[in-house]
């Protein structure tokens, strides 16, 4: 069938509607065949895939999840580490010997001692007491001072690499400032007691601290050795007691067995006597029974 189309400019065109429709149907039919062929191809590809590929994909997914878990765990551990540093590592306090020193100083000043007073026979007592109190204070400060000295390099490195929190850095700075102030105060007090002593007091305090530490370690070792020897002696005594008990039990068991054997022999003997006393079996008894 021929169709006439009139264009806006007045021109006309002729089209064969039947042929176009047939062509459309052929194209639609061809498209359906291609779609069917595509579905068959996908099914063949799915059947051709090796099951090992699915296993490989599952393994890869598992490994990715494991890596993510380990990374998260490491981050949590680092957070815990920094939290511990923030909370306790630099929560330092000066020893009680600091307050004790100032109490002693007040008593000595009441007794007539003055800062910078030269040592003499008159003030020998207060001077000696002040020196002992200050040395005791410095010795007690040694653990705090050495702790800050050990942490100083590490904290400055962490801060320079932005690997510590602001709270942690401030805690370290406060602790360092407190210790530095204590060191300077001890030096100043040392010069007031004896001019020039500030140059040597911390070295002396470190030496005394090491001596006391070694003494305490030796005492602790001696106590530990004594406890070990006491334990060894107790173990030997207990072993000897167990041995004696085992021997006694063995002897008692042997004696009991002997008594049982004697009793058994007596029972057998008594049984024989009783049988003999009863006359035993009469002669000819079996013969008479057979008749």
Protein backbone atom coordinates (compact mmCIF):
# COMPACT_ATOMS: atom_id res chain seq x y z
CA UNK A 1 0.00 0.00 0.00
CA UNK A 2 1.34 3.40 -1.07
CA UNK A 3 0.94 6.35 1.32
CA UNK A 4 1.15 10.00 0.24
CA UNK A 5 2.78 12.42 2.65
CA UNK A 6 2.36 16.17 2.13
CA UNK A 7 5.28 18.18 3.42
CA UNK A 8 4.86 21.74 4.85
CA UNK A 9 6.39 23.27 1.73
CA UNK A 10 3.74 21.62 -0.40
CA UNK A 11 5.89 18.78 -1.74
CA UNK A 12 4.68 15.21 -1.57
CA UNK A 13 6.41 11.91 -0.86
CA UNK A 14 5.30 8.34 -1.44
CA UNK A 15 6.02 5.41 0.98
CA UNK A 16 5.18 1.73 0.82
CA UNK A 17 3.60 1.07 4.23
CA UNK A 18 3.35 -2.68 3.70
CA UNK A 19 7.02 -3.11 2.93
CA UNK A 20 7.98 -0.98 5.92
CA UNK A 21 5.76 -2.99 8.21
CA UNK A 22 7.22 -6.22 6.88
CA UNK A 23 10.68 -4.91 7.34
CA UNK A 24 9.81 -3.90 10.91
CA UNK A 25 8.50 -7.37 11.65
CA UNK A 26 11.62 -8.93 10.18
CA UNK A 27 13.80 -6.63 12.31
CA UNK A 28 11.77 -7.47 15.43
CA UNK A 29 12.06 -11.18 14.66
CA UNK A 30 15.79 -10.86 14.10
CA UNK A 31 16.15 -8.95 17.39
CA UNK A 32 14.33 -11.72 19.24
CA UNK A 33 16.65 -14.33 17.76
CA UNK A 34 19.66 -12.27 18.84
CA UNK A 35 18.23 -11.91 22.37
CA UNK A 36 17.68 -15.67 22.57
CA UNK A 37 21.18 -16.32 21.31
CA UNK A 38 22.57 -13.90 23.94
CA UNK A 39 20.80 -15.74 26.77
CA UNK A 40 22.11 -19.08 25.57
CA UNK A 41 25.63 -17.63 25.36
CA UNK A 42 25.46 -16.33 28.99
CA UNK A 43 24.31 -19.73 30.24
CA UNK A 44 27.17 -21.45 28.40
CA UNK A 45 29.69 -18.97 29.87
CA UNK A 46 28.28 -19.47 33.40
CA UNK A 47 28.58 -23.26 33.01
CA UNK A 48 32.10 -22.94 31.65
CA UNK A 49 33.42 -20.94 34.70
CA UNK A 50 35.68 -23.06 36.94
CA UNK A 51 34.36 -23.35 40.56
CA UNK A 52 37.91 -22.57 41.70
CA UNK A 53 37.37 -18.98 40.59
CA UNK A 54 34.53 -18.62 43.11
CA UNK A 55 36.84 -20.01 45.81
CA UNK A 56 39.55 -17.56 44.79
CA UNK A 57 37.12 -14.65 45.00
CA UNK A 58 36.01 -15.78 48.48
CA UNK A 59 39.65 -16.01 49.61
CA UNK A 60 40.39 -12.51 48.30
CA UNK A 61 37.35 -11.09 50.12
CA UNK A 62 38.44 -12.84 53.32
CA UNK A 63 41.99 -11.47 53.05
CA UNK A 64 40.71 -7.94 52.48
CA UNK A 65 38.47 -8.22 55.54
CA UNK A 66 41.36 -9.62 57.62
CA UNK A 67 43.69 -6.76 56.60
CA UNK A 68 41.03 -4.19 57.50
CA UNK A 69 40.50 -5.89 60.88
CA UNK A 70 44.23 -5.94 61.67
CA UNK A 71 44.62 -2.30 60.71
CA UNK A 72 41.69 -1.31 62.91
CA UNK A 73 43.08 -3.36 65.79
CA UNK A 74 46.48 -1.68 65.45
CA UNK A 75 44.87 1.76 65.47
CA UNK A 76 42.96 0.85 68.64
CA UNK A 77 46.17 -0.34 70.30
CA UNK A 78 47.91 2.90 69.37
CA UNK A 79 44.99 4.86 70.79
CA UNK A 80 45.23 2.86 74.02
CA UNK A 81 48.98 3.53 74.15
CA UNK A 82 48.50 7.25 73.80
CA UNK A 83 45.63 7.19 76.28
CA UNK A 84 47.90 5.55 78.85
CA UNK A 85 50.53 8.18 78.22
CA UNK A 86 47.96 10.92 78.64
CA UNK A 87 46.63 9.47 81.87
CA UNK A 88 49.48 8.12 83.97
CA UNK A 89 52.95 8.36 82.49
CA UNK A 90 53.48 12.03 83.31
CA UNK A 91 51.17 12.27 86.29
CA UNK A 92 54.18 12.88 88.54
CA UNK A 93 54.35 14.15 92.11
CA UNK A 94 57.33 15.32 94.10
CA UNK A 95 58.33 13.12 97.04
CA UNK A 96 57.27 13.85 100.63
CA UNK A 97 60.91 14.71 101.46
CA UNK A 98 60.39 18.12 99.80
CA UNK A 99 57.84 19.23 102.40
CA UNK A 100 59.90 17.60 105.16
CA UNK A 101 62.91 19.70 104.16
CA UNK A 102 61.02 22.98 104.45
CA UNK A 103 59.65 21.93 107.85
CA UNK A 104 63.19 21.23 109.08
CA UNK A 105 64.43 24.48 107.61
CA UNK A 106 61.76 26.45 109.51
CA UNK A 107 62.84 24.78 112.76
CA UNK A 108 66.51 25.52 112.07
CA UNK A 109 65.76 29.15 111.29
CA UNK A 110 63.87 29.38 114.57
CA UNK A 111 66.99 28.02 116.25
CA UNK A 112 69.12 30.82 114.77
CA UNK A 113 70.33 29.45 111.49
CA UNK A 114 70.40 31.88 108.55
CA UNK A 115 70.87 31.23 104.81
CA UNK A 116 74.52 31.64 103.75
CA UNK A 117 75.78 31.42 107.31
CA UNK A 118 79.28 29.94 107.44
CA UNK A 119 79.69 26.66 109.25
CA UNK A 120 81.02 27.13 112.79
CA UNK A 121 81.05 25.40 116.14
CA UNK A 122 77.96 27.34 117.21
CA UNK A 123 75.72 26.45 114.27
CA UNK A 124 77.26 23.07 113.52
CA UNK A 125 74.11 21.24 114.62
CA UNK A 126 71.57 23.15 112.48
CA UNK A 127 73.98 23.25 109.56
CA UNK A 128 74.44 19.49 109.61
CA UNK A 129 70.69 18.88 109.99
CA UNK A 130 69.93 21.17 107.02
CA UNK A 131 72.53 19.46 104.85
CA UNK A 132 71.21 16.01 105.69
CA UNK A 133 67.61 17.06 105.02
CA UNK A 134 68.51 18.58 101.64
CA UNK A 135 70.53 15.53 100.61
CA UNK A 136 67.63 13.28 101.61
CA UNK A 137 65.36 15.45 99.45
CA UNK A 138 67.70 15.26 96.44
CA UNK A 139 68.06 11.48 96.76
CA UNK A 140 64.27 11.11 96.82
CA UNK A 141 64.05 13.29 93.68
CA UNK A 142 66.41 11.07 91.65
CA UNK A 143 63.73 8.62 90.33
CA UNK A 144 61.55 11.50 89.10
CA UNK A 145 64.49 13.33 87.51
CA UNK A 146 65.80 10.24 85.72
CA UNK A 147 62.28 9.39 84.48
CA UNK A 148 61.94 12.79 82.77
CA UNK A 149 65.46 12.55 81.36
CA UNK A 150 64.70 9.17 79.79
CA UNK A 151 61.40 10.34 78.30
CA UNK A 152 62.65 13.68 77.02
CA UNK A 153 64.24 12.51 73.75
CA UNK A 154 61.31 10.23 72.85
CA UNK A 155 58.67 12.85 73.56
CA UNK A 156 60.44 15.55 71.55
CA UNK A 157 60.74 13.12 68.63
CA UNK A 158 57.05 12.21 68.82
CA UNK A 159 56.06 15.86 68.97
CA UNK A 160 58.27 16.80 66.01
CA UNK A 161 56.63 14.03 63.94
CA UNK A 162 53.11 14.93 65.15
CA UNK A 163 52.72 11.48 66.69
CA UNK A 164 51.48 12.56 70.13
CA UNK A 165 48.31 14.29 71.22
CA UNK A 166 48.19 17.84 72.52
CA UNK A 167 47.07 16.56 75.91
CA UNK A 168 50.02 14.20 76.10
CA UNK A 169 52.51 16.90 75.11
CA UNK A 170 51.13 19.35 77.65
CA UNK A 171 51.29 16.71 80.39
CA UNK A 172 54.94 16.09 79.53
CA UNK A 173 55.72 19.80 79.50
CA UNK A 174 54.09 20.31 82.90
CA UNK A 175 56.02 17.39 84.38
CA UNK A 176 59.29 18.60 82.87
CA UNK A 177 58.72 22.13 84.17
CA UNK A 178 57.97 20.83 87.67
CA UNK A 179 61.12 18.68 87.72
CA UNK A 180 63.31 21.46 86.31
CA UNK A 181 62.05 23.84 88.97
CA UNK A 182 62.78 21.26 91.68
CA UNK A 183 66.34 20.77 90.39
CA UNK A 184 67.00 24.50 90.47
CA UNK A 185 65.47 24.92 93.93
CA UNK A 186 67.68 22.16 95.35
CA UNK A 187 70.75 23.85 93.86
CA UNK A 188 69.73 27.20 95.32
CA UNK A 189 69.15 25.65 98.76
CA UNK A 190 72.53 23.89 98.53
CA UNK A 191 74.33 27.21 97.98
CA UNK A 192 72.50 28.75 100.94
CA UNK A 193 73.68 25.91 103.19
CA UNK A 194 77.21 25.77 101.81
CA UNK A 195 78.40 28.05 98.97
CA UNK A 196 79.42 26.07 95.87
CA UNK A 197 77.62 22.92 96.94
CA UNK A 198 75.13 23.34 94.07
CA UNK A 199 77.78 22.11 91.64
CA UNK A 200 78.11 18.76 93.37
CA UNK A 201 74.85 18.01 95.18
CA UNK A 202 73.11 16.21 92.31
CA UNK A 203 76.15 14.10 91.51
CA UNK A 204 76.42 13.14 95.18
CA UNK A 205 72.71 12.43 95.37
CA UNK A 206 72.97 10.10 92.35
CA UNK A 207 75.88 8.24 93.98
CA UNK A 208 74.02 7.85 97.28
CA UNK A 209 70.89 6.74 95.42
CA UNK A 210 72.84 4.04 93.57
CA UNK A 211 74.42 2.89 96.83
CA UNK A 212 71.05 2.68 98.56
CA UNK A 213 69.54 0.92 95.55
CA UNK A 214 72.31 -1.68 95.54
CA UNK A 215 71.92 -2.12 99.29
CA UNK A 216 68.19 -2.69 98.95
CA UNK A 217 68.73 -5.11 96.09
CA UNK A 218 71.30 -7.03 98.13
CA UNK A 219 68.95 -7.15 101.11
CA UNK A 220 66.10 -8.31 98.88
CA UNK A 221 68.37 -10.96 97.32
CA UNK A 222 69.49 -12.10 100.78
CA UNK A 223 65.86 -12.43 101.88
CA UNK A 224 65.03 -14.29 98.68
CA UNK A 225 67.99 -16.65 99.16
CA UNK A 226 67.01 -17.17 102.77
CA UNK A 227 63.45 -17.99 101.74
CA UNK A 228 64.75 -20.43 99.10
CA UNK A 229 67.02 -22.15 101.64
CA UNK A 230 64.15 -22.36 104.11
CA UNK A 231 61.96 -23.88 101.43
CA UNK A 232 64.67 -26.39 100.49
CA UNK A 233 65.07 -27.40 104.14
CA UNK A 234 61.31 -27.77 104.52
CA UNK A 235 61.17 -29.87 101.37
CA UNK A 236 63.99 -32.12 102.64
CA UNK A 237 62.30 -32.48 106.04
CA UNK A 238 58.98 -33.26 104.40
CA UNK A 239 60.65 -35.75 102.07
CA UNK A 240 62.31 -37.47 105.04
CA UNK A 241 59.01 -37.55 106.89
CA UNK A 242 57.29 -39.06 103.87
CA UNK A 243 60.07 -41.62 103.56
CA UNK A 244 59.80 -42.56 107.22
CA UNK A 245 56.03 -42.76 106.94
CA UNK A 246 56.32 -44.99 103.85
CA UNK A 247 58.74 -47.28 105.67
CA UNK A 248 56.50 -47.39 108.72
CA UNK A 249 53.46 -48.14 106.56
CA UNK A 250 55.42 -50.89 104.85
CA UNK A 251 56.50 -52.37 108.19
CA UNK A 252 52.95 -52.16 109.53
CA UNK A 253 51.63 -53.86 106.40
CA UNK A 254 54.24 -56.63 106.74
CA UNK A 255 53.41 -57.11 110.41
CA UNK A 256 49.73 -57.19 109.66
CA UNK A 257 50.31 -59.78 106.91
CA UNK A 258 52.37 -61.87 109.32
CA UNK A 259 49.63 -61.71 111.95
CA UNK A 260 47.06 -62.75 109.36
CA UNK A 261 49.29 -65.66 108.32
CA UNK A 262 49.70 -66.78 111.93
CA UNK A 263 45.97 -66.59 112.48
CA UNK A 264 45.36 -68.61 109.32
CA UNK A 265 47.83 -71.27 110.43
CA UNK A 266 46.11 -71.46 113.82
CA UNK A 267 42.72 -71.85 112.17
CA UNK A 268 44.01 -74.69 110.01
CA UNK A 269 45.65 -76.33 113.00
CA UNK A 270 42.49 -76.03 115.08
CA UNK A 271 40.46 -77.46 112.23
CA UNK A 272 42.71 -80.51 112.06
CA UNK A 273 42.51 -81.01 115.81
CA UNK A 274 38.73 -80.77 115.72
CA UNK A 275 38.54 -83.31 112.91
CA UNK A 276 40.88 -85.68 114.72
CA UNK A 277 38.93 -85.34 117.99
CA UNK A 278 35.68 -86.27 116.23
CA UNK A 279 37.06 -89.64 115.14
CA UNK A 280 37.32 -88.79 111.53
CA UNK A 281 35.66 -91.04 108.95
CA UNK A 282 34.96 -94.61 110.21
CA UNK A 283 36.72 -97.45 108.47
CA UNK A 284 34.47 -99.50 106.18
CA UNK A 285 31.87 -96.76 105.97
CA UNK A 286 31.99 -96.54 102.22
CA UNK A 287 32.01 -100.29 101.79
CA UNK A 288 28.86 -100.65 103.89
CA UNK A 289 27.12 -97.96 101.87
CA UNK A 290 27.87 -99.78 98.65
CA UNK A 291 26.23 -102.94 99.93
